[in-house]
Amino acid sequence: HPTSDAWSQPGHPFIASMRRCWSLFFGAMNQAAKTRRSSFRFKNFKEAPNLLRILVDEGYVQFYQKKGPYVEVRLRKDRDGVLVREVQQVSKSSMPKYIKAKDVKWDTRLNIIAADGKMVTSSECKMNNIGGEHLAIIR
């Protein structure tokens, strides 16, 4: 189980493995957004429930369910189509990007940040004055 020390070590094998999983997840979500599909699936990984919790709480995901080794995600829609328009992956497997608490901005986009062993939104980072690895921006 990761500790906050593991999250702060860029070369830690757990982090490298998680970056690959995040990359595949955000790639699948971005592909669904660009093609205006309301669902996508990805291979389940340990931190997926935490990431999906944020997306459900923020109103981007309607529901998700595990089907074998995969998770199927249904994106929330309005009359114009799916709410997610673009997923910009900030931190990549080969090049992690970190953000300090003072640099986290309040805006209308959803920023997902790995901090203190969990994934949080930019507003949670601001409220708790923490920084971390900037994973993605969802518009």
N, C-alpha and C. Protein backbone atom coordinates (compact mmCIF):
# COMPACT_ATOMS: atom_id res chain seq x y z
N HIS A 1 0.85 -1.19 0.00
CA HIS A 1 0.00 0.00 0.00
C HIS A 1 0.89 1.24 0.00
N PRO A 2 0.63 2.24 -0.85
CA PRO A 2 1.52 3.38 -0.94
C PRO A 2 1.44 4.27 0.28
N THR A 3 2.56 4.87 0.60
CA THR A 3 2.58 5.87 1.65
C THR A 3 2.89 7.21 1.00
N SER A 4 2.78 8.27 1.78
CA SER A 4 3.08 9.57 1.20
C SER A 4 4.54 9.64 0.77
N ASP A 5 5.43 8.85 1.43
CA ASP A 5 6.82 8.82 1.01
C ASP A 5 6.96 8.24 -0.39
N ALA A 6 6.21 7.19 -0.69
CA ALA A 6 6.28 6.57 -2.02
C ALA A 6 5.82 7.55 -3.09
N TRP A 7 4.81 8.36 -2.79
CA TRP A 7 4.29 9.30 -3.78
C TRP A 7 5.30 10.39 -4.08
N SER A 8 6.20 10.65 -3.14
CA SER A 8 7.16 11.74 -3.35
C SER A 8 8.43 11.26 -4.03
N GLN A 9 8.54 9.97 -4.32
CA GLN A 9 9.73 9.43 -4.96
C GLN A 9 9.44 9.15 -6.42
N PRO A 10 9.86 10.02 -7.35
CA PRO A 10 9.53 9.88 -8.76
C PRO A 10 9.94 8.54 -9.36
N GLY A 11 11.05 7.96 -8.93
CA GLY A 11 11.52 6.71 -9.51
C GLY A 11 10.95 5.46 -8.86
N HIS A 12 10.07 5.61 -7.90
CA HIS A 12 9.50 4.47 -7.18
C HIS A 12 8.73 3.58 -8.15
N PRO A 13 8.94 2.23 -8.14
CA PRO A 13 8.27 1.35 -9.11
C PRO A 13 6.74 1.40 -9.03
N PHE A 14 6.19 1.60 -7.85
CA PHE A 14 4.73 1.70 -7.72
C PHE A 14 4.21 2.89 -8.52
N ILE A 15 4.90 4.01 -8.44
CA ILE A 15 4.48 5.21 -9.13
C ILE A 15 4.58 5.03 -10.64
N ALA A 16 5.67 4.43 -11.10
CA ALA A 16 5.83 4.20 -12.55
C ALA A 16 4.70 3.34 -13.08
N SER A 17 4.32 2.31 -12.34
CA SER A 17 3.23 1.43 -12.75
C SER A 17 1.90 2.17 -12.75
N MET A 18 1.66 3.00 -11.73
CA MET A 18 0.42 3.75 -11.64
C MET A 18 0.33 4.79 -12.77
N ARG A 19 1.47 5.40 -13.13
CA ARG A 19 1.45 6.38 -14.23
C ARG A 19 0.99 5.73 -15.53
N ARG A 20 1.42 4.49 -15.77
CA ARG A 20 0.98 3.79 -16.98
C ARG A 20 -0.53 3.56 -16.94
N CYS A 21 -1.05 3.16 -15.79
CA CYS A 21 -2.50 2.93 -15.65
C CYS A 21 -3.27 4.23 -15.84
N TRP A 22 -2.81 5.33 -15.22
CA TRP A 22 -3.47 6.62 -15.37
C TRP A 22 -3.46 7.04 -16.82
N SER A 23 -2.33 6.83 -17.47
CA SER A 23 -2.19 7.22 -18.87
C SER A 23 -3.21 6.49 -19.75
N LEU A 24 -3.36 5.20 -19.54
CA LEU A 24 -4.34 4.42 -20.31
C LEU A 24 -5.77 4.87 -20.01
N PHE A 25 -6.05 5.14 -18.74
CA PHE A 25 -7.38 5.60 -18.35
C PHE A 25 -7.72 6.94 -19.01
N PHE A 26 -6.84 7.92 -18.84
CA PHE A 26 -7.11 9.25 -19.40
C PHE A 26 -7.15 9.22 -20.92
N GLY A 27 -6.34 8.36 -21.53
CA GLY A 27 -6.37 8.20 -22.98
C GLY A 27 -7.71 7.66 -23.46
N ALA A 28 -8.23 6.65 -22.77
CA ALA A 28 -9.53 6.07 -23.14
C ALA A 28 -10.65 7.09 -22.94
N MET A 29 -10.57 7.86 -21.85
CA MET A 29 -11.60 8.86 -21.58
C MET A 29 -11.55 9.98 -22.62
N ASN A 30 -10.35 10.41 -22.99
CA ASN A 30 -10.20 11.47 -23.98
C ASN A 30 -10.71 11.01 -25.35
N GLN A 31 -10.43 9.76 -25.70
CA GLN A 31 -10.90 9.22 -26.98
C GLN A 31 -12.44 9.20 -27.01
N ALA A 32 -13.05 8.81 -25.90
CA ALA A 32 -14.52 8.81 -25.82
C ALA A 32 -15.05 10.24 -25.96
N ALA A 33 -14.39 11.20 -25.30
CA ALA A 33 -14.85 12.59 -25.37
C ALA A 33 -14.73 13.14 -26.79
N LYS A 34 -13.61 12.87 -27.43
CA LYS A 34 -13.39 13.41 -28.78
C LYS A 34 -14.36 12.82 -29.81
N THR A 35 -14.71 11.55 -29.63
CA THR A 35 -15.63 10.91 -30.58
C THR A 35 -17.08 11.02 -30.12
N ARG A 36 -17.29 11.73 -28.98
CA ARG A 36 -18.62 11.99 -28.44
C ARG A 36 -19.34 10.70 -28.02
N ARG A 37 -18.58 9.67 -27.67
CA ARG A 37 -19.18 8.44 -27.16
C ARG A 37 -19.51 8.62 -25.68
N SER A 38 -20.59 8.02 -25.25
CA SER A 38 -21.00 8.20 -23.86
C SER A 38 -20.43 7.14 -22.93
N SER A 39 -19.68 6.18 -23.47
CA SER A 39 -19.08 5.18 -22.59
C SER A 39 -17.70 4.77 -23.11
N PHE A 40 -16.91 4.26 -22.20
CA PHE A 40 -15.60 3.70 -22.54
C PHE A 40 -15.25 2.67 -21.49
N ARG A 41 -14.25 1.87 -21.77
CA ARG A 41 -13.82 0.89 -20.77
C ARG A 41 -12.30 0.87 -20.71
N PHE A 42 -11.81 0.40 -19.59
CA PHE A 42 -10.38 0.32 -19.37
C PHE A 42 -10.10 -0.85 -18.45
N LYS A 43 -8.86 -1.30 -18.46
CA LYS A 43 -8.48 -2.39 -17.57
C LYS A 43 -8.39 -1.85 -16.15
N ASN A 44 -9.04 -2.54 -15.23
CA ASN A 44 -9.10 -2.10 -13.84
C ASN A 44 -7.70 -2.02 -13.24
N PHE A 45 -7.50 -1.05 -12.36
CA PHE A 45 -6.26 -0.94 -11.60
C PHE A 45 -6.60 -0.47 -10.19
N LYS A 46 -5.65 -0.62 -9.30
CA LYS A 46 -5.90 -0.43 -7.87
C LYS A 46 -6.50 0.94 -7.51
N GLU A 47 -6.02 2.00 -8.13
CA GLU A 47 -6.48 3.34 -7.78
C GLU A 47 -7.70 3.80 -8.59
N ALA A 48 -8.22 2.95 -9.47
CA ALA A 48 -9.37 3.33 -10.30
C ALA A 48 -10.58 3.80 -9.47
N PRO A 49 -10.95 3.10 -8.39
CA PRO A 49 -12.12 3.57 -7.62
C PRO A 49 -11.96 4.99 -7.08
N ASN A 50 -10.74 5.37 -6.65
CA ASN A 50 -10.51 6.73 -6.15
C ASN A 50 -10.68 7.75 -7.27
N LEU A 51 -10.15 7.44 -8.43
CA LEU A 51 -10.25 8.33 -9.57
C LEU A 51 -11.71 8.46 -10.03
N LEU A 52 -12.41 7.34 -10.09
CA LEU A 52 -13.81 7.36 -10.51
C LEU A 52 -14.71 8.07 -9.50
N ARG A 53 -14.37 7.96 -8.21
CA ARG A 53 -15.12 8.68 -7.17
C ARG A 53 -15.10 10.17 -7.43
N ILE A 54 -13.92 10.69 -7.78
CA ILE A 54 -13.81 12.12 -8.08
C ILE A 54 -14.69 12.49 -9.27
N LEU A 55 -14.63 11.68 -10.32
CA LEU A 55 -15.37 11.98 -11.54
C LEU A 55 -16.89 11.88 -11.34
N VAL A 56 -17.33 10.96 -10.49
CA VAL A 56 -18.76 10.86 -10.16
C VAL A 56 -19.16 12.07 -9.30
N ASP A 57 -18.37 12.37 -8.27
CA ASP A 57 -18.68 13.50 -7.38
C ASP A 57 -18.71 14.82 -8.12
N GLU A 58 -17.85 14.98 -9.12
CA GLU A 58 -17.79 16.23 -9.87
C GLU A 58 -18.82 16.28 -11.01
N GLY A 59 -19.53 15.17 -11.24
CA GLY A 59 -20.61 15.17 -12.22
C GLY A 59 -20.21 14.81 -13.65
N TYR A 60 -19.00 14.30 -13.85
CA TYR A 60 -18.57 13.92 -15.20
C TYR A 60 -18.94 12.49 -15.56
N VAL A 61 -19.03 11.63 -14.56
CA VAL A 61 -19.36 10.22 -14.78
C VAL A 61 -20.72 9.93 -14.16
N GLN A 62 -21.58 9.30 -14.94
CA GLN A 62 -22.91 8.93 -14.46
C GLN A 62 -22.83 7.69 -13.58
N PHE A 63 -22.18 6.64 -14.08
CA PHE A 63 -21.97 5.43 -13.29
C PHE A 63 -20.86 4.61 -13.93
N TYR A 64 -20.40 3.61 -13.19
CA TYR A 64 -19.40 2.68 -13.71
C TYR A 64 -19.65 1.33 -13.08
N GLN A 65 -19.21 0.29 -13.77
CA GLN A 65 -19.35 -1.06 -13.21
C GLN A 65 -18.21 -1.93 -13.68
N LYS A 66 -17.80 -2.82 -12.81
CA LYS A 66 -16.72 -3.74 -13.14
C LYS A 66 -17.28 -4.91 -13.93
N LYS A 67 -16.62 -5.24 -15.04
CA LYS A 67 -17.00 -6.39 -15.87
C LYS A 67 -15.74 -7.19 -16.13
N GLY A 68 -15.55 -8.23 -15.33
CA GLY A 68 -14.32 -9.03 -15.45
C GLY A 68 -13.12 -8.18 -15.08
N PRO A 69 -12.06 -8.22 -15.90
CA PRO A 69 -10.88 -7.42 -15.59
C PRO A 69 -11.01 -5.95 -16.02
N TYR A 70 -12.15 -5.58 -16.58
CA TYR A 70 -12.35 -4.23 -17.09
C TYR A 70 -13.39 -3.49 -16.27
N VAL A 71 -13.37 -2.18 -16.42
CA VAL A 71 -14.39 -1.31 -15.83
C VAL A 71 -15.03 -0.55 -16.97
N GLU A 72 -16.36 -0.59 -17.03
CA GLU A 72 -17.09 0.17 -18.04
C GLU A 72 -17.61 1.44 -17.39
N VAL A 73 -17.37 2.56 -18.06
CA VAL A 73 -17.72 3.88 -17.53
C VAL A 73 -18.74 4.52 -18.44
N ARG A 74 -19.79 5.06 -17.84
CA ARG A 74 -20.81 5.80 -18.60
C ARG A 74 -20.64 7.27 -18.24
N LEU A 75 -20.33 8.09 -19.23
CA LEU A 75 -20.16 9.52 -19.02
C LEU A 75 -21.52 10.21 -18.92
N ARG A 76 -21.58 11.25 -18.11
CA ARG A 76 -22.81 12.02 -17.96
C ARG A 76 -23.03 12.86 -19.21
N LYS A 77 -24.28 12.97 -19.63
CA LYS A 77 -24.63 13.72 -20.84
C LYS A 77 -25.65 14.80 -20.52
N ASP A 78 -25.67 15.81 -21.39
CA ASP A 78 -26.75 16.78 -21.39
C ASP A 78 -27.34 16.77 -22.80
N ARG A 79 -28.17 17.73 -23.14
CA ARG A 79 -28.81 17.69 -24.46
C ARG A 79 -27.83 17.89 -25.61
N ASP A 80 -26.64 18.42 -25.32
CA ASP A 80 -25.61 18.63 -26.35
C ASP A 80 -24.64 17.46 -26.47
N GLY A 81 -24.80 16.43 -25.65
CA GLY A 81 -23.90 15.28 -25.68
C GLY A 81 -23.17 15.12 -24.36
N VAL A 82 -22.05 14.41 -24.38
CA VAL A 82 -21.32 14.15 -23.15
C VAL A 82 -20.71 15.44 -22.61
N LEU A 83 -20.63 15.52 -21.27
CA LEU A 83 -20.12 16.73 -20.63
C LEU A 83 -18.61 16.88 -20.78
N VAL A 84 -17.91 15.77 -20.86
CA VAL A 84 -16.46 15.83 -21.02
C VAL A 84 -16.15 16.18 -22.47
N ARG A 85 -15.45 17.27 -22.66
CA ARG A 85 -15.09 17.71 -24.01
C ARG A 85 -13.65 17.32 -24.35
N GLU A 86 -12.79 17.33 -23.33
CA GLU A 86 -11.38 17.05 -23.56
C GLU A 86 -10.72 16.62 -22.25
N VAL A 87 -9.80 15.69 -22.35
CA VAL A 87 -8.99 15.28 -21.21
C VAL A 87 -7.53 15.55 -21.59
N GLN A 88 -6.92 16.45 -20.89
CA GLN A 88 -5.52 16.78 -21.15
C GLN A 88 -4.68 16.13 -20.07
N GLN A 89 -3.88 15.17 -20.47
CA GLN A 89 -3.01 14.50 -19.52
C GLN A 89 -1.78 15.36 -19.31
N VAL A 90 -1.56 15.81 -18.08
CA VAL A 90 -0.46 16.71 -17.78
C VAL A 90 0.80 15.91 -17.47
N SER A 91 0.71 15.01 -16.51
CA SER A 91 1.83 14.17 -16.12
C SER A 91 1.79 12.90 -16.97
N LYS A 92 2.90 12.56 -17.56
CA LYS A 92 2.96 11.37 -18.41
C LYS A 92 3.90 10.35 -17.79
N SER A 93 3.81 9.12 -18.27
CA SER A 93 4.67 8.05 -17.73
C SER A 93 6.13 8.43 -17.78
N SER A 94 6.56 9.02 -18.89
CA SER A 94 7.96 9.35 -19.08
C SER A 94 8.37 10.69 -18.47
N MET A 95 7.40 11.54 -18.18
CA MET A 95 7.72 12.86 -17.65
C MET A 95 6.66 13.35 -16.67
N PRO A 96 6.85 13.06 -15.38
CA PRO A 96 5.89 13.53 -14.38
C PRO A 96 5.97 15.04 -14.20
N LYS A 97 4.83 15.67 -13.94
CA LYS A 97 4.75 17.11 -13.68
C LYS A 97 4.17 17.31 -12.29
N TYR A 98 4.86 18.08 -11.50
CA TYR A 98 4.41 18.35 -10.14
C TYR A 98 3.94 19.79 -10.02
N ILE A 99 3.02 20.00 -9.10
CA ILE A 99 2.47 21.35 -8.90
C ILE A 99 2.48 21.66 -7.40
N LYS A 100 2.91 22.86 -7.07
CA LYS A 100 2.93 23.30 -5.67
C LYS A 100 1.55 23.83 -5.30
N ALA A 101 1.24 23.78 -4.03
CA ALA A 101 -0.07 24.24 -3.55
C ALA A 101 -0.34 25.68 -3.98
N LYS A 102 0.67 26.54 -3.93
CA LYS A 102 0.47 27.95 -4.29
C LYS A 102 0.19 28.14 -5.78
N ASP A 103 0.58 27.16 -6.61
CA ASP A 103 0.38 27.26 -8.06
C ASP A 103 -0.93 26.64 -8.54
N VAL A 104 -1.65 25.97 -7.64
CA VAL A 104 -2.93 25.37 -8.01
C VAL A 104 -3.94 26.50 -8.20
N LYS A 105 -4.62 26.50 -9.32
CA LYS A 105 -5.54 27.60 -9.65
C LYS A 105 -7.00 27.19 -9.46
N TRP A 106 -7.82 28.16 -9.08
CA TRP A 106 -9.26 27.97 -9.04
C TRP A 106 -9.77 28.26 -10.45
N ASP A 107 -10.41 27.32 -11.05
CA ASP A 107 -11.01 27.57 -12.36
C ASP A 107 -12.14 26.58 -12.59
N THR A 108 -12.75 26.66 -13.75
CA THR A 108 -13.92 25.83 -14.02
C THR A 108 -13.55 24.44 -14.50
N ARG A 109 -12.28 24.21 -14.81
CA ARG A 109 -11.86 22.88 -15.23
C ARG A 109 -11.62 22.01 -14.01
N LEU A 110 -11.66 20.72 -14.21
CA LEU A 110 -11.36 19.79 -13.13
C LEU A 110 -9.90 19.37 -13.26
N ASN A 111 -9.10 19.69 -12.26
CA ASN A 111 -7.71 19.27 -12.20
C ASN A 111 -7.63 18.10 -11.23
N ILE A 112 -6.99 17.02 -11.67
CA ILE A 112 -6.82 15.86 -10.80
C ILE A 112 -5.35 15.76 -10.43
N ILE A 113 -5.09 15.67 -9.13
CA ILE A 113 -3.74 15.72 -8.60
C ILE A 113 -3.54 14.56 -7.64
N ALA A 114 -2.41 13.86 -7.77
CA ALA A 114 -2.05 12.80 -6.82
C ALA A 114 -1.26 13.45 -5.70
N ALA A 115 -1.82 13.42 -4.49
CA ALA A 115 -1.18 14.07 -3.35
C ALA A 115 -1.42 13.25 -2.09
N ASP A 116 -0.41 13.13 -1.30
CA ASP A 116 -0.51 12.41 -0.01
C ASP A 116 -1.12 11.03 -0.15
N GLY A 117 -0.76 10.30 -1.20
CA GLY A 117 -1.21 8.92 -1.35
C GLY A 117 -2.62 8.75 -1.86
N LYS A 118 -3.24 9.82 -2.35
CA LYS A 118 -4.59 9.70 -2.91
C LYS A 118 -4.75 10.71 -4.03
N MET A 119 -5.83 10.59 -4.77
CA MET A 119 -6.12 11.54 -5.83
C MET A 119 -7.13 12.55 -5.32
N VAL A 120 -6.86 13.81 -5.63
CA VAL A 120 -7.72 14.89 -5.16
C VAL A 120 -7.94 15.90 -6.29
N THR A 121 -8.90 16.77 -6.10
CA THR A 121 -9.17 17.84 -7.08
C THR A 121 -8.35 19.07 -6.70
N SER A 122 -8.32 20.04 -7.61
CA SER A 122 -7.58 21.27 -7.34
C SER A 122 -8.18 22.02 -6.15
N SER A 123 -9.50 21.96 -6.00
CA SER A 123 -10.11 22.67 -4.87
C SER A 123 -9.71 22.02 -3.54
N GLU A 124 -9.58 20.70 -3.51
CA GLU A 124 -9.13 20.03 -2.28
C GLU A 124 -7.68 20.40 -1.97
N CYS A 125 -6.85 20.53 -3.01
CA CYS A 125 -5.46 20.94 -2.82
C CYS A 125 -5.40 22.35 -2.24
N LYS A 126 -6.22 23.25 -2.77
CA LYS A 126 -6.23 24.63 -2.28
C LYS A 126 -6.69 24.68 -0.82
N MET A 127 -7.76 23.96 -0.51
CA MET A 127 -8.30 23.99 0.85
C MET A 127 -7.31 23.43 1.87
N ASN A 128 -6.56 22.38 1.48
CA ASN A 128 -5.65 21.72 2.40
C ASN A 128 -4.20 22.18 2.23
N ASN A 129 -3.97 23.13 1.32
CA ASN A 129 -2.65 23.68 1.07
C ASN A 129 -1.61 22.58 0.77
N ILE A 130 -1.96 21.71 -0.18
CA ILE A 130 -1.05 20.64 -0.58
C ILE A 130 -0.84 20.66 -2.09
N GLY A 131 0.30 20.20 -2.50
CA GLY A 131 0.61 20.05 -3.91
C GLY A 131 0.79 18.57 -4.22
N GLY A 132 1.18 18.26 -5.44
CA GLY A 132 1.40 16.87 -5.79
C GLY A 132 1.63 16.73 -7.28
N GLU A 133 1.47 15.52 -7.77
CA GLU A 133 1.67 15.26 -9.18
C GLU A 133 0.39 15.63 -9.94
N HIS A 134 0.52 16.53 -10.90
CA HIS A 134 -0.63 17.02 -11.67
C HIS A 134 -0.93 16.01 -12.77
N LEU A 135 -1.99 15.23 -12.60
CA LEU A 135 -2.29 14.13 -13.51
C LEU A 135 -3.01 14.59 -14.76
N ALA A 136 -4.10 15.32 -14.61
CA ALA A 136 -4.92 15.65 -15.79
C ALA A 136 -5.80 16.86 -15.54
N ILE A 137 -6.22 17.44 -16.67
CA ILE A 137 -7.21 18.52 -16.66
C ILE A 137 -8.38 18.02 -17.49
N ILE A 138 -9.57 18.10 -16.93
CA ILE A 138 -10.76 17.65 -17.64
C ILE A 138 -11.64 18.86 -17.90
N ARG A 139 -12.01 19.03 -19.18
CA ARG A 139 -12.84 20.16 -19.58
C ARG A 139 -14.18 19.64 -20.03
